[in-house]
Structures are given as structure tokens and as C-alpha cells.
Amino acid sequence: MKNLFNIIIILNFGFSYSQTKNDSLILSSYLKTELMFAELVPEKILNEKIKFIQESLIVEDYGLPSRINFSDSKKHKPVHHWISYNIISDNLILTKLDLPFDINGELIYSKNKMKEILKPYLKVLERKTNVDLKKAIEIAKENGLTKIYNWSIDYENRKLVWTLRSKLENNMPEVIKINSKNEKILSKTIEISIH
């Protein structure tokens, strides 16, 4: 860990002088994220299941903040930025994790908040649930959901619950909730938007 810290300091120092301010800000944020993941996530899961995808800046342009790719950031003043990761389970994207940073490169979430965010995903990745993502999709299809376009896992009433959404023929979302411990269907509903 000491060697990793020394490498990070050298990299941070070198990049801060050789790159633009935005480049060094993103690099610093990326390194802070990697260090936090190293503390919170088992090494095997971190190396195999959590994959960096992109960084993007929220910029101020004509008074309206907008999200842009980092490569387009040279001509804009950043307000804050995001670093995105995919969490992968059984070759499926379990979730996309967007981590927000302020203008000083500090993660907006505390370490405890990150533990809370990662907890349901780590349960799945550590195989501490009876229902993984593939099984949840299979159960949803067995219960009539055919065009599944979204899924998540989170705690509801102290139970770890899969929520899967599918489009009906009228484009209304049908939602099924599955207990990740015993495969029990907790609810199956149609979401109706009220305008």
C-alpha cells in the first residue's frame, strides 16, 4: 500500500504539471476512486467485476449546465465532474455507477455512503444471494415479462429485492419485485404515469 501511495503521489505531481488543470483534476479523482474501491471492495471483485467506462464534466456554458465528454472540456469551465464504472455480474452489466465529484476533485459521497451504495451489489458479486441477475431475469420471464429493459437490486424493508422492468405493448412499464433470498415474487405491477 505504501508503494501504491508513493506511485500515486509521483503520478499526481507529474500530471499536474504536464497536463491541463482539467486533466489533473480527473486523474486525481480517478486515483481517489480507485483507492476507495481498494478499501471497500475485495480485490478479486475489484479486478474482475468493476470496470471504468468514462469520465464526463458538467460545464457552465451560456448559463446552463450541460454534461459533456471529457475530451471536449478544453474550451469550457467545469462546474463538477463524474466518473462512471460498470459493475458486471455473469457477463451482464449489473449497474452503471456514476460517481459525482465537486470542482476540487472531491467525491461528493462519504465513505459510509459508498459502502451503502455498494452493499447490495457486493452481496450479489460475493454470491451471498440465492438469486443472481440471470436467475432474476429468468424468473421475470417465467412470470410474463418479455421485453426487460431495466433492473436493479436494493434493500426494501430489510430484504434484498430485485426490481425488473419490462415494456408492455402499449409501452407502459410492467414491474416485478423478486426476493433475492428465496425467489419469491413480492409484487407485479404496471406503472402508470400521471401527467
N, C-alpha and C. Protein backbone atom coordinates (compact mmCIF):
# COMPACT_ATOMS: atom_id res chain seq x y z
N MET A 1 0.83 -1.20 0.00
CA MET A 1 0.00 0.00 0.00
C MET A 1 0.87 1.25 0.00
N LYS A 2 2.01 1.19 0.76
CA LYS A 2 2.90 2.34 0.81
C LYS A 2 3.47 2.64 -0.58
N ASN A 3 3.87 1.59 -1.32
CA ASN A 3 4.39 1.78 -2.68
C ASN A 3 3.34 2.36 -3.60
N LEU A 4 2.08 1.88 -3.47
CA LEU A 4 0.99 2.40 -4.28
C LEU A 4 0.79 3.88 -3.99
N PHE A 5 0.86 4.26 -2.72
CA PHE A 5 0.68 5.66 -2.33
C PHE A 5 1.80 6.51 -2.93
N ASN A 6 3.05 6.02 -2.88
CA ASN A 6 4.18 6.76 -3.46
C ASN A 6 4.01 6.93 -4.96
N ILE A 7 3.56 5.88 -5.64
CA ILE A 7 3.32 5.96 -7.09
C ILE A 7 2.26 7.00 -7.40
N ILE A 8 1.19 7.00 -6.60
CA ILE A 8 0.10 7.96 -6.82
C ILE A 8 0.59 9.39 -6.64
N ILE A 9 1.39 9.62 -5.62
CA ILE A 9 1.93 10.97 -5.40
C ILE A 9 2.79 11.39 -6.59
N ILE A 10 3.66 10.50 -7.06
CA ILE A 10 4.51 10.81 -8.20
C ILE A 10 3.67 11.08 -9.44
N LEU A 11 2.69 10.20 -9.71
CA LEU A 11 1.81 10.40 -10.87
C LEU A 11 1.05 11.71 -10.76
N ASN A 12 0.50 11.96 -9.59
CA ASN A 12 -0.28 13.18 -9.40
C ASN A 12 0.59 14.41 -9.61
N PHE A 13 1.81 14.41 -9.08
CA PHE A 13 2.72 15.52 -9.23
C PHE A 13 3.11 15.71 -10.69
N GLY A 14 3.46 14.62 -11.35
CA GLY A 14 3.87 14.70 -12.75
C GLY A 14 2.76 15.18 -13.66
N PHE A 15 1.58 14.64 -13.47
CA PHE A 15 0.47 15.01 -14.34
C PHE A 15 -0.01 16.43 -14.06
N SER A 16 0.08 16.87 -12.82
CA SER A 16 -0.43 18.20 -12.52
C SER A 16 0.38 19.28 -13.23
N TYR A 17 1.65 18.98 -13.53
CA TYR A 17 2.47 19.96 -14.24
C TYR A 17 2.48 19.75 -15.75
N SER A 18 2.19 18.55 -16.20
CA SER A 18 2.30 18.30 -17.63
C SER A 18 0.95 18.33 -18.35
N GLN A 19 -0.14 18.31 -17.64
CA GLN A 19 -1.46 18.29 -18.26
C GLN A 19 -2.21 19.57 -17.91
N THR A 20 -3.35 19.73 -18.52
CA THR A 20 -4.18 20.88 -18.18
C THR A 20 -4.78 20.67 -16.80
N LYS A 21 -5.38 21.70 -16.27
CA LYS A 21 -6.00 21.62 -14.94
C LYS A 21 -7.11 20.56 -14.93
N ASN A 22 -7.91 20.52 -15.99
CA ASN A 22 -8.99 19.52 -16.06
C ASN A 22 -8.44 18.10 -16.08
N ASP A 23 -7.36 17.88 -16.83
CA ASP A 23 -6.75 16.55 -16.89
C ASP A 23 -6.29 16.09 -15.51
N SER A 24 -5.60 16.97 -14.80
CA SER A 24 -5.08 16.58 -13.49
C SER A 24 -6.21 16.41 -12.48
N LEU A 25 -7.27 17.19 -12.64
CA LEU A 25 -8.44 17.06 -11.75
C LEU A 25 -9.09 15.69 -11.94
N ILE A 26 -9.27 15.28 -13.18
CA ILE A 26 -9.87 13.97 -13.47
C ILE A 26 -8.95 12.85 -12.99
N LEU A 27 -7.66 12.96 -13.26
CA LEU A 27 -6.72 11.93 -12.81
C LEU A 27 -6.74 11.79 -11.30
N SER A 28 -6.72 12.91 -10.60
CA SER A 28 -6.75 12.90 -9.14
C SER A 28 -8.03 12.24 -8.64
N SER A 29 -9.15 12.57 -9.24
CA SER A 29 -10.44 11.98 -8.84
C SER A 29 -10.45 10.48 -9.13
N TYR A 30 -9.93 10.09 -10.27
CA TYR A 30 -9.86 8.67 -10.64
C TYR A 30 -9.02 7.89 -9.62
N LEU A 31 -7.86 8.44 -9.26
CA LEU A 31 -6.99 7.76 -8.29
C LEU A 31 -7.66 7.66 -6.92
N LYS A 32 -8.35 8.72 -6.50
CA LYS A 32 -9.07 8.68 -5.21
C LYS A 32 -10.15 7.61 -5.24
N THR A 33 -10.83 7.48 -6.37
CA THR A 33 -11.87 6.46 -6.51
C THR A 33 -11.26 5.06 -6.43
N GLU A 34 -10.17 4.85 -7.13
CA GLU A 34 -9.51 3.55 -7.11
C GLU A 34 -9.05 3.18 -5.71
N LEU A 35 -8.51 4.15 -4.97
CA LEU A 35 -8.08 3.89 -3.59
C LEU A 35 -9.27 3.54 -2.70
N MET A 36 -10.38 4.25 -2.88
CA MET A 36 -11.57 3.97 -2.08
C MET A 36 -12.11 2.58 -2.40
N PHE A 37 -12.17 2.24 -3.69
CA PHE A 37 -12.60 0.89 -4.07
C PHE A 37 -11.68 -0.17 -3.44
N ALA A 38 -10.37 0.10 -3.42
CA ALA A 38 -9.42 -0.86 -2.84
C ALA A 38 -9.72 -1.11 -1.37
N GLU A 39 -10.22 -0.09 -0.67
CA GLU A 39 -10.59 -0.24 0.74
C GLU A 39 -11.92 -0.95 0.93
N LEU A 40 -12.87 -0.73 0.04
CA LEU A 40 -14.25 -1.19 0.25
C LEU A 40 -14.61 -2.49 -0.46
N VAL A 41 -13.86 -2.86 -1.49
CA VAL A 41 -14.24 -3.98 -2.33
C VAL A 41 -13.13 -5.05 -2.30
N PRO A 42 -13.51 -6.32 -2.12
CA PRO A 42 -12.49 -7.39 -2.18
C PRO A 42 -11.71 -7.33 -3.50
N GLU A 43 -10.42 -7.61 -3.42
CA GLU A 43 -9.52 -7.43 -4.57
C GLU A 43 -9.97 -8.19 -5.82
N LYS A 44 -10.38 -9.44 -5.67
CA LYS A 44 -10.78 -10.23 -6.84
C LYS A 44 -11.99 -9.60 -7.54
N ILE A 45 -12.96 -9.13 -6.76
CA ILE A 45 -14.13 -8.47 -7.35
C ILE A 45 -13.72 -7.16 -8.00
N LEU A 46 -12.87 -6.41 -7.34
CA LEU A 46 -12.42 -5.12 -7.90
C LEU A 46 -11.72 -5.33 -9.24
N ASN A 47 -10.88 -6.32 -9.33
CA ASN A 47 -10.12 -6.56 -10.57
C ASN A 47 -10.97 -7.13 -11.70
N GLU A 48 -11.99 -7.93 -11.36
CA GLU A 48 -12.75 -8.64 -12.39
C GLU A 48 -14.13 -8.06 -12.68
N LYS A 49 -14.74 -7.39 -11.71
CA LYS A 49 -16.16 -7.04 -11.84
C LYS A 49 -16.46 -5.54 -11.89
N ILE A 50 -15.51 -4.70 -11.55
CA ILE A 50 -15.76 -3.25 -11.56
C ILE A 50 -14.86 -2.64 -12.61
N LYS A 51 -15.49 -2.12 -13.67
CA LYS A 51 -14.74 -1.64 -14.84
C LYS A 51 -15.01 -0.15 -15.09
N PHE A 52 -13.93 0.61 -15.19
CA PHE A 52 -14.02 2.03 -15.53
C PHE A 52 -14.57 2.18 -16.94
N ILE A 53 -15.51 3.12 -17.14
CA ILE A 53 -16.00 3.35 -18.50
C ILE A 53 -15.67 4.73 -19.03
N GLN A 54 -15.94 5.77 -18.25
CA GLN A 54 -15.71 7.12 -18.79
C GLN A 54 -15.72 8.15 -17.68
N GLU A 55 -15.24 9.33 -18.06
CA GLU A 55 -15.41 10.48 -17.19
C GLU A 55 -16.10 11.57 -18.00
N SER A 56 -16.88 12.39 -17.34
CA SER A 56 -17.54 13.49 -18.03
C SER A 56 -17.60 14.69 -17.10
N LEU A 57 -17.63 15.86 -17.70
CA LEU A 57 -17.65 17.10 -16.93
C LEU A 57 -19.02 17.76 -17.05
N ILE A 58 -19.44 18.38 -15.98
CA ILE A 58 -20.61 19.26 -16.03
C ILE A 58 -20.03 20.66 -16.19
N VAL A 59 -20.40 21.31 -17.27
CA VAL A 59 -19.79 22.61 -17.56
C VAL A 59 -20.84 23.71 -17.55
N GLU A 60 -20.34 24.90 -17.42
CA GLU A 60 -21.20 26.08 -17.47
C GLU A 60 -21.01 26.71 -18.84
N ASP A 61 -22.07 26.72 -19.62
CA ASP A 61 -21.99 27.29 -20.96
C ASP A 61 -23.30 28.03 -21.21
N TYR A 62 -23.24 29.29 -21.46
CA TYR A 62 -24.42 30.14 -21.65
C TYR A 62 -25.35 30.06 -20.43
N GLY A 63 -24.75 29.87 -19.25
CA GLY A 63 -25.54 29.87 -18.03
C GLY A 63 -26.29 28.58 -17.76
N LEU A 64 -26.23 27.62 -18.68
CA LEU A 64 -26.95 26.36 -18.50
C LEU A 64 -25.94 25.23 -18.36
N PRO A 65 -25.94 24.53 -17.22
CA PRO A 65 -25.01 23.40 -17.10
C PRO A 65 -25.39 22.29 -18.06
N SER A 66 -24.41 21.65 -18.65
CA SER A 66 -24.66 20.52 -19.53
C SER A 66 -23.54 19.50 -19.33
N ARG A 67 -23.83 18.26 -19.65
CA ARG A 67 -22.85 17.19 -19.48
C ARG A 67 -22.13 16.98 -20.80
N ILE A 68 -20.80 16.97 -20.76
CA ILE A 68 -20.02 16.77 -21.97
C ILE A 68 -18.97 15.69 -21.71
N ASN A 69 -18.44 15.14 -22.79
CA ASN A 69 -17.33 14.20 -22.67
C ASN A 69 -16.09 14.96 -22.25
N PHE A 70 -15.22 14.27 -21.54
CA PHE A 70 -14.01 14.89 -21.05
C PHE A 70 -13.16 15.44 -22.19
N SER A 71 -13.13 14.77 -23.32
CA SER A 71 -12.29 15.21 -24.44
C SER A 71 -12.73 16.57 -24.99
N ASP A 72 -13.97 16.98 -24.76
CA ASP A 72 -14.48 18.27 -25.23
C ASP A 72 -14.34 19.37 -24.19
N SER A 73 -13.64 19.11 -23.10
CA SER A 73 -13.66 20.01 -21.96
C SER A 73 -12.67 21.17 -22.04
N LYS A 74 -11.78 21.17 -23.01
CA LYS A 74 -10.73 22.18 -23.06
C LYS A 74 -11.28 23.60 -23.20
N LYS A 75 -12.45 23.74 -23.82
CA LYS A 75 -12.98 25.07 -24.09
C LYS A 75 -14.08 25.50 -23.12
N HIS A 76 -14.29 24.73 -22.04
CA HIS A 76 -15.36 25.04 -21.09
C HIS A 76 -14.83 25.11 -19.67
N LYS A 77 -15.55 25.84 -18.83
CA LYS A 77 -15.22 25.93 -17.41
C LYS A 77 -15.99 24.84 -16.66
N PRO A 78 -15.30 23.87 -16.04
CA PRO A 78 -16.02 22.80 -15.35
C PRO A 78 -16.69 23.29 -14.07
N VAL A 79 -17.86 22.76 -13.80
CA VAL A 79 -18.56 23.04 -12.55
C VAL A 79 -18.32 21.86 -11.61
N HIS A 80 -18.49 20.65 -12.09
CA HIS A 80 -18.10 19.43 -11.41
C HIS A 80 -18.05 18.31 -12.44
N HIS A 81 -17.66 17.11 -12.01
CA HIS A 81 -17.49 16.04 -13.00
C HIS A 81 -17.92 14.70 -12.41
N TRP A 82 -18.05 13.72 -13.30
CA TRP A 82 -18.47 12.37 -12.95
C TRP A 82 -17.45 11.38 -13.46
N ILE A 83 -17.28 10.30 -12.71
CA ILE A 83 -16.51 9.16 -13.20
C ILE A 83 -17.46 7.98 -13.15
N SER A 84 -17.53 7.23 -14.23
CA SER A 84 -18.51 6.15 -14.34
C SER A 84 -17.82 4.79 -14.41
N TYR A 85 -18.44 3.82 -13.74
CA TYR A 85 -17.98 2.43 -13.74
C TYR A 85 -19.16 1.52 -14.03
N ASN A 86 -18.88 0.39 -14.68
CA ASN A 86 -19.86 -0.68 -14.79
C ASN A 86 -19.53 -1.73 -13.74
N ILE A 87 -20.55 -2.23 -13.06
CA ILE A 87 -20.39 -3.36 -12.17
C ILE A 87 -20.99 -4.55 -12.91
N ILE A 88 -20.17 -5.58 -13.13
CA ILE A 88 -20.53 -6.69 -14.02
C ILE A 88 -20.74 -7.97 -13.23
N SER A 89 -21.82 -8.68 -13.57
CA SER A 89 -22.11 -9.98 -12.97
C SER A 89 -22.52 -10.94 -14.07
N ASP A 90 -21.85 -12.05 -14.19
CA ASP A 90 -22.17 -13.08 -15.19
C ASP A 90 -22.27 -12.49 -16.59
N ASN A 91 -21.31 -11.67 -16.96
CA ASN A 91 -21.24 -11.03 -18.28
C ASN A 91 -22.42 -10.10 -18.58
N LEU A 92 -23.15 -9.68 -17.57
CA LEU A 92 -24.21 -8.69 -17.71
C LEU A 92 -23.84 -7.48 -16.86
N ILE A 93 -24.23 -6.31 -17.31
CA ILE A 93 -23.98 -5.10 -16.52
C ILE A 93 -25.01 -5.05 -15.41
N LEU A 94 -24.55 -5.27 -14.19
CA LEU A 94 -25.42 -5.24 -13.03
C LEU A 94 -25.93 -3.82 -12.80
N THR A 95 -25.03 -2.85 -12.91
CA THR A 95 -25.40 -1.45 -12.81
C THR A 95 -24.29 -0.58 -13.38
N LYS A 96 -24.66 0.65 -13.72
CA LYS A 96 -23.68 1.67 -14.05
C LYS A 96 -23.60 2.58 -12.84
N LEU A 97 -22.42 2.73 -12.30
CA LEU A 97 -22.21 3.53 -11.11
C LEU A 97 -21.60 4.86 -11.51
N ASP A 98 -22.37 5.95 -11.37
CA ASP A 98 -21.88 7.29 -11.67
C ASP A 98 -21.48 7.95 -10.35
N LEU A 99 -20.21 8.32 -10.24
CA LEU A 99 -19.70 8.93 -9.02
C LEU A 99 -19.47 10.42 -9.25
N PRO A 100 -20.19 11.29 -8.51
CA PRO A 100 -20.05 12.73 -8.71
C PRO A 100 -18.91 13.32 -7.87
N PHE A 101 -18.15 14.24 -8.48
CA PHE A 101 -17.07 14.95 -7.80
C PHE A 101 -17.32 16.44 -7.89
N ASP A 102 -16.89 17.19 -6.87
CA ASP A 102 -17.03 18.64 -6.92
C ASP A 102 -15.89 19.25 -7.73
N ILE A 103 -15.86 20.56 -7.82
CA ILE A 103 -14.88 21.26 -8.65
C ILE A 103 -13.45 21.06 -8.14
N ASN A 104 -13.30 20.70 -6.85
CA ASN A 104 -11.98 20.47 -6.27
C ASN A 104 -11.53 19.02 -6.38
N GLY A 105 -12.32 18.19 -7.05
CA GLY A 105 -11.94 16.80 -7.23
C GLY A 105 -12.25 15.92 -6.05
N GLU A 106 -13.14 16.34 -5.17
CA GLU A 106 -13.52 15.55 -4.00
C GLU A 106 -14.83 14.81 -4.30
N LEU A 107 -14.86 13.53 -3.97
CA LEU A 107 -16.07 12.74 -4.15
C LEU A 107 -17.18 13.30 -3.26
N ILE A 108 -18.34 13.49 -3.83
CA ILE A 108 -19.46 14.08 -3.09
C ILE A 108 -19.99 13.10 -2.04
N TYR A 109 -19.88 11.79 -2.30
CA TYR A 109 -20.34 10.79 -1.34
C TYR A 109 -19.27 10.52 -0.29
N SER A 110 -19.70 10.33 0.95
CA SER A 110 -18.78 9.93 2.01
C SER A 110 -18.42 8.45 1.84
N LYS A 111 -17.43 8.01 2.56
CA LYS A 111 -17.03 6.60 2.51
C LYS A 111 -18.18 5.71 2.99
N ASN A 112 -18.90 6.14 4.03
CA ASN A 112 -20.04 5.36 4.52
C ASN A 112 -21.17 5.30 3.49
N LYS A 113 -21.40 6.38 2.78
CA LYS A 113 -22.42 6.39 1.73
C LYS A 113 -22.02 5.44 0.60
N MET A 114 -20.74 5.41 0.25
CA MET A 114 -20.27 4.49 -0.79
C MET A 114 -20.43 3.04 -0.34
N LYS A 115 -20.17 2.76 0.93
CA LYS A 115 -20.40 1.40 1.47
C LYS A 115 -21.85 1.01 1.29
N GLU A 116 -22.74 1.96 1.61
CA GLU A 116 -24.18 1.73 1.50
C GLU A 116 -24.58 1.50 0.04
N ILE A 117 -24.04 2.27 -0.88
CA ILE A 117 -24.35 2.13 -2.31
C ILE A 117 -23.87 0.78 -2.83
N LEU A 118 -22.66 0.38 -2.44
CA LEU A 118 -22.05 -0.84 -2.95
C LEU A 118 -22.60 -2.12 -2.30
N LYS A 119 -23.18 -2.01 -1.12
CA LYS A 119 -23.58 -3.18 -0.34
C LYS A 119 -24.45 -4.19 -1.11
N PRO A 120 -25.55 -3.78 -1.75
CA PRO A 120 -26.35 -4.79 -2.46
C PRO A 120 -25.61 -5.45 -3.62
N TYR A 121 -24.78 -4.69 -4.33
CA TYR A 121 -24.04 -5.24 -5.46
C TYR A 121 -22.97 -6.22 -4.98
N LEU A 122 -22.32 -5.90 -3.88
CA LEU A 122 -21.30 -6.81 -3.33
C LEU A 122 -21.93 -8.11 -2.85
N LYS A 123 -23.16 -8.04 -2.32
CA LYS A 123 -23.86 -9.27 -1.91
C LYS A 123 -24.03 -10.20 -3.11
N VAL A 124 -24.40 -9.62 -4.24
CA VAL A 124 -24.59 -10.42 -5.46
C VAL A 124 -23.24 -10.95 -5.95
N LEU A 125 -22.24 -10.08 -6.02
CA LEU A 125 -20.93 -10.48 -6.55
C LEU A 125 -20.21 -11.48 -5.65
N GLU A 126 -20.47 -11.43 -4.36
CA GLU A 126 -19.87 -12.38 -3.43
C GLU A 126 -20.71 -13.66 -3.30
N ARG A 127 -21.75 -13.75 -4.13
CA ARG A 127 -22.64 -14.94 -4.16
C ARG A 127 -23.32 -15.19 -2.81
N LYS A 128 -23.72 -14.10 -2.14
CA LYS A 128 -24.42 -14.22 -0.86
C LYS A 128 -25.94 -14.12 -1.03
N THR A 129 -26.40 -14.18 -2.27
CA THR A 129 -27.84 -14.21 -2.55
C THR A 129 -28.14 -15.51 -3.29
N ASN A 130 -29.36 -15.98 -3.17
CA ASN A 130 -29.77 -17.19 -3.89
C ASN A 130 -30.18 -16.88 -5.32
N VAL A 131 -30.49 -15.61 -5.57
CA VAL A 131 -30.94 -15.19 -6.90
C VAL A 131 -29.93 -14.18 -7.44
N ASP A 132 -29.19 -14.59 -8.48
CA ASP A 132 -28.31 -13.64 -9.15
C ASP A 132 -29.09 -12.95 -10.27
N LEU A 133 -28.44 -12.11 -11.04
CA LEU A 133 -29.13 -11.36 -12.09
C LEU A 133 -29.72 -12.28 -13.15
N LYS A 134 -28.98 -13.28 -13.59
CA LYS A 134 -29.50 -14.21 -14.61
C LYS A 134 -30.75 -14.92 -14.11
N LYS A 135 -30.73 -15.35 -12.86
CA LYS A 135 -31.88 -16.05 -12.27
C LYS A 135 -33.06 -15.08 -12.14
N ALA A 136 -32.82 -13.84 -11.76
CA ALA A 136 -33.89 -12.85 -11.64
C ALA A 136 -34.55 -12.61 -13.00
N ILE A 137 -33.75 -12.52 -14.05
CA ILE A 137 -34.29 -12.33 -15.41
C ILE A 137 -35.12 -13.56 -15.81
N GLU A 138 -34.62 -14.74 -15.50
CA GLU A 138 -35.33 -15.98 -15.80
C GLU A 138 -36.68 -16.02 -15.08
N ILE A 139 -36.71 -15.65 -13.80
CA ILE A 139 -37.96 -15.63 -13.03
C ILE A 139 -38.93 -14.61 -13.62
N ALA A 140 -38.42 -13.45 -13.98
CA ALA A 140 -39.27 -12.41 -14.57
C ALA A 140 -39.89 -12.90 -15.88
N LYS A 141 -39.09 -13.57 -16.73
CA LYS A 141 -39.61 -14.09 -18.00
C LYS A 141 -40.65 -15.18 -17.77
N GLU A 142 -40.43 -16.02 -16.75
CA GLU A 142 -41.41 -17.06 -16.41
C GLU A 142 -42.73 -16.45 -15.96
N ASN A 143 -42.68 -15.21 -15.47
CA ASN A 143 -43.86 -14.52 -14.99
C ASN A 143 -44.39 -13.48 -15.99
N GLY A 144 -44.03 -13.64 -17.25
CA GLY A 144 -44.66 -12.86 -18.31
C GLY A 144 -43.94 -11.60 -18.74
N LEU A 145 -42.83 -11.23 -18.16
CA LEU A 145 -42.10 -10.05 -18.61
C LEU A 145 -41.23 -10.46 -19.80
N THR A 146 -41.49 -9.88 -20.95
CA THR A 146 -40.80 -10.32 -22.16
C THR A 146 -39.75 -9.32 -22.66
N LYS A 147 -40.00 -8.04 -22.51
CA LYS A 147 -39.08 -7.02 -23.01
C LYS A 147 -38.42 -6.29 -21.84
N ILE A 148 -37.57 -7.01 -21.11
CA ILE A 148 -36.92 -6.44 -19.93
C ILE A 148 -35.87 -5.42 -20.37
N TYR A 149 -35.99 -4.21 -19.85
CA TYR A 149 -35.06 -3.15 -20.24
C TYR A 149 -34.32 -2.52 -19.07
N ASN A 150 -34.69 -2.86 -17.84
CA ASN A 150 -34.06 -2.24 -16.69
C ASN A 150 -34.14 -3.17 -15.50
N TRP A 151 -33.08 -3.17 -14.68
CA TRP A 151 -33.11 -3.94 -13.44
C TRP A 151 -32.27 -3.23 -12.39
N SER A 152 -32.57 -3.53 -11.15
CA SER A 152 -31.78 -3.01 -10.03
C SER A 152 -31.95 -3.95 -8.85
N ILE A 153 -31.06 -3.81 -7.89
CA ILE A 153 -31.17 -4.57 -6.65
C ILE A 153 -30.91 -3.60 -5.51
N ASP A 154 -31.78 -3.66 -4.51
CA ASP A 154 -31.64 -2.76 -3.37
C ASP A 154 -32.42 -3.32 -2.20
N TYR A 155 -32.21 -2.73 -1.05
CA TYR A 155 -32.91 -3.16 0.15
C TYR A 155 -34.27 -2.48 0.24
N GLU A 156 -35.30 -3.28 0.51
CA GLU A 156 -36.65 -2.79 0.77
C GLU A 156 -37.17 -3.53 1.99
N ASN A 157 -37.50 -2.80 3.03
CA ASN A 157 -37.97 -3.41 4.29
C ASN A 157 -37.01 -4.51 4.77
N ARG A 158 -35.72 -4.21 4.74
CA ARG A 158 -34.65 -5.11 5.20
C ARG A 158 -34.48 -6.37 4.35
N LYS A 159 -35.12 -6.42 3.21
CA LYS A 159 -34.95 -7.54 2.28
C LYS A 159 -34.21 -7.04 1.04
N LEU A 160 -33.32 -7.88 0.54
CA LEU A 160 -32.62 -7.55 -0.69
C LEU A 160 -33.51 -7.97 -1.86
N VAL A 161 -33.95 -6.99 -2.65
CA VAL A 161 -35.00 -7.21 -3.65
C VAL A 161 -34.52 -6.80 -5.05
N TRP A 162 -34.75 -7.70 -6.01
CA TRP A 162 -34.55 -7.38 -7.43
C TRP A 162 -35.79 -6.69 -7.95
N THR A 163 -35.61 -5.61 -8.70
CA THR A 163 -36.71 -4.93 -9.39
C THR A 163 -36.38 -4.95 -10.88
N LEU A 164 -37.27 -5.56 -11.66
CA LEU A 164 -37.07 -5.64 -13.12
C LEU A 164 -38.24 -4.97 -13.82
N ARG A 165 -37.94 -4.24 -14.90
CA ARG A 165 -38.97 -3.54 -15.67
C ARG A 165 -38.98 -4.07 -17.09
N SER A 166 -40.21 -4.18 -17.63
CA SER A 166 -40.41 -4.64 -18.99
C SER A 166 -41.45 -3.74 -19.65
N LYS A 167 -41.33 -3.56 -20.95
CA LYS A 167 -42.31 -2.75 -21.70
C LYS A 167 -43.46 -3.64 -22.16
N LEU A 168 -44.68 -3.15 -21.92
CA LEU A 168 -45.86 -3.81 -22.46
C LEU A 168 -46.06 -3.32 -23.90
N GLU A 169 -47.04 -3.88 -24.59
CA GLU A 169 -47.29 -3.47 -25.98
C GLU A 169 -47.68 -2.01 -26.09
N ASN A 170 -48.30 -1.45 -25.05
CA ASN A 170 -48.68 -0.04 -25.07
C ASN A 170 -47.58 0.86 -24.49
N ASN A 171 -46.37 0.30 -24.37
CA ASN A 171 -45.18 0.99 -23.86
C ASN A 171 -45.24 1.35 -22.38
N MET A 172 -46.23 0.86 -21.66
CA MET A 172 -46.27 1.09 -20.22
C MET A 172 -45.35 0.08 -19.54
N PRO A 173 -44.63 0.51 -18.48
CA PRO A 173 -43.72 -0.41 -17.81
C PRO A 173 -44.43 -1.36 -16.85
N GLU A 174 -44.09 -2.63 -16.97
CA GLU A 174 -44.56 -3.64 -16.03
C GLU A 174 -43.38 -3.94 -15.11
N VAL A 175 -43.63 -3.98 -13.80
CA VAL A 175 -42.56 -4.11 -12.82
C VAL A 175 -42.79 -5.34 -11.96
N ILE A 176 -41.72 -6.11 -11.78
CA ILE A 176 -41.79 -7.26 -10.89
C ILE A 176 -40.69 -7.11 -9.84
N LYS A 177 -41.03 -7.45 -8.59
CA LYS A 177 -40.07 -7.42 -7.49
C LYS A 177 -39.89 -8.83 -6.98
N ILE A 178 -38.63 -9.25 -6.87
CA ILE A 178 -38.29 -10.63 -6.50
C ILE A 178 -37.37 -10.62 -5.29
N ASN A 179 -37.70 -11.40 -4.28
CA ASN A 179 -36.86 -11.55 -3.11
C ASN A 179 -35.59 -12.31 -3.52
N SER A 180 -34.43 -11.73 -3.27
CA SER A 180 -33.17 -12.34 -3.72
C SER A 180 -32.76 -13.54 -2.86
N LYS A 181 -33.45 -13.74 -1.75
CA LYS A 181 -33.10 -14.85 -0.87
C LYS A 181 -33.86 -16.13 -1.21
N ASN A 182 -35.17 -15.98 -1.54
CA ASN A 182 -35.98 -17.19 -1.70
C ASN A 182 -36.74 -17.27 -3.03
N GLU A 183 -36.45 -16.39 -3.97
CA GLU A 183 -37.07 -16.38 -5.31
C GLU A 183 -38.55 -16.03 -5.29
N LYS A 184 -39.06 -15.58 -4.18
CA LYS A 184 -40.48 -15.27 -4.05
C LYS A 184 -40.81 -13.96 -4.77
N ILE A 185 -41.93 -13.96 -5.51
CA ILE A 185 -42.41 -12.74 -6.16
C ILE A 185 -43.08 -11.88 -5.09
N LEU A 186 -42.55 -10.68 -4.87
CA LEU A 186 -43.11 -9.78 -3.86
C LEU A 186 -44.24 -8.93 -4.44
N SER A 187 -44.09 -8.55 -5.71
CA SER A 187 -45.16 -7.80 -6.37
C SER A 187 -44.94 -7.83 -7.87
N LYS A 188 -46.05 -7.63 -8.59
CA LYS A 188 -46.01 -7.49 -10.04
C LYS A 188 -47.05 -6.42 -10.36
N THR A 189 -46.58 -5.30 -10.89
CA THR A 189 -47.46 -4.16 -11.11
C THR A 189 -47.22 -3.54 -12.49
N ILE A 190 -48.15 -2.70 -12.88
CA ILE A 190 -47.99 -1.88 -14.08
C ILE A 190 -47.90 -0.44 -13.59
N GLU A 191 -46.83 0.25 -14.01
CA GLU A 191 -46.65 1.64 -13.61
C GLU A 191 -47.40 2.55 -14.58
N ILE A 192 -48.22 3.42 -14.02
CA ILE A 192 -48.98 4.35 -14.82
C ILE A 192 -48.49 5.76 -14.50
N SER A 193 -48.06 6.47 -15.52
CA SER A 193 -47.59 7.84 -15.28
C SER A 193 -48.78 8.80 -15.31
N ILE A 194 -48.79 9.71 -14.38
CA ILE A 194 -49.88 10.69 -14.28
C ILE A 194 -49.28 12.04 -14.70
N HIS A 195 -49.88 12.63 -15.70
CA HIS A 195 -49.37 13.91 -16.21
C HIS A 195 -50.24 15.03 -15.75
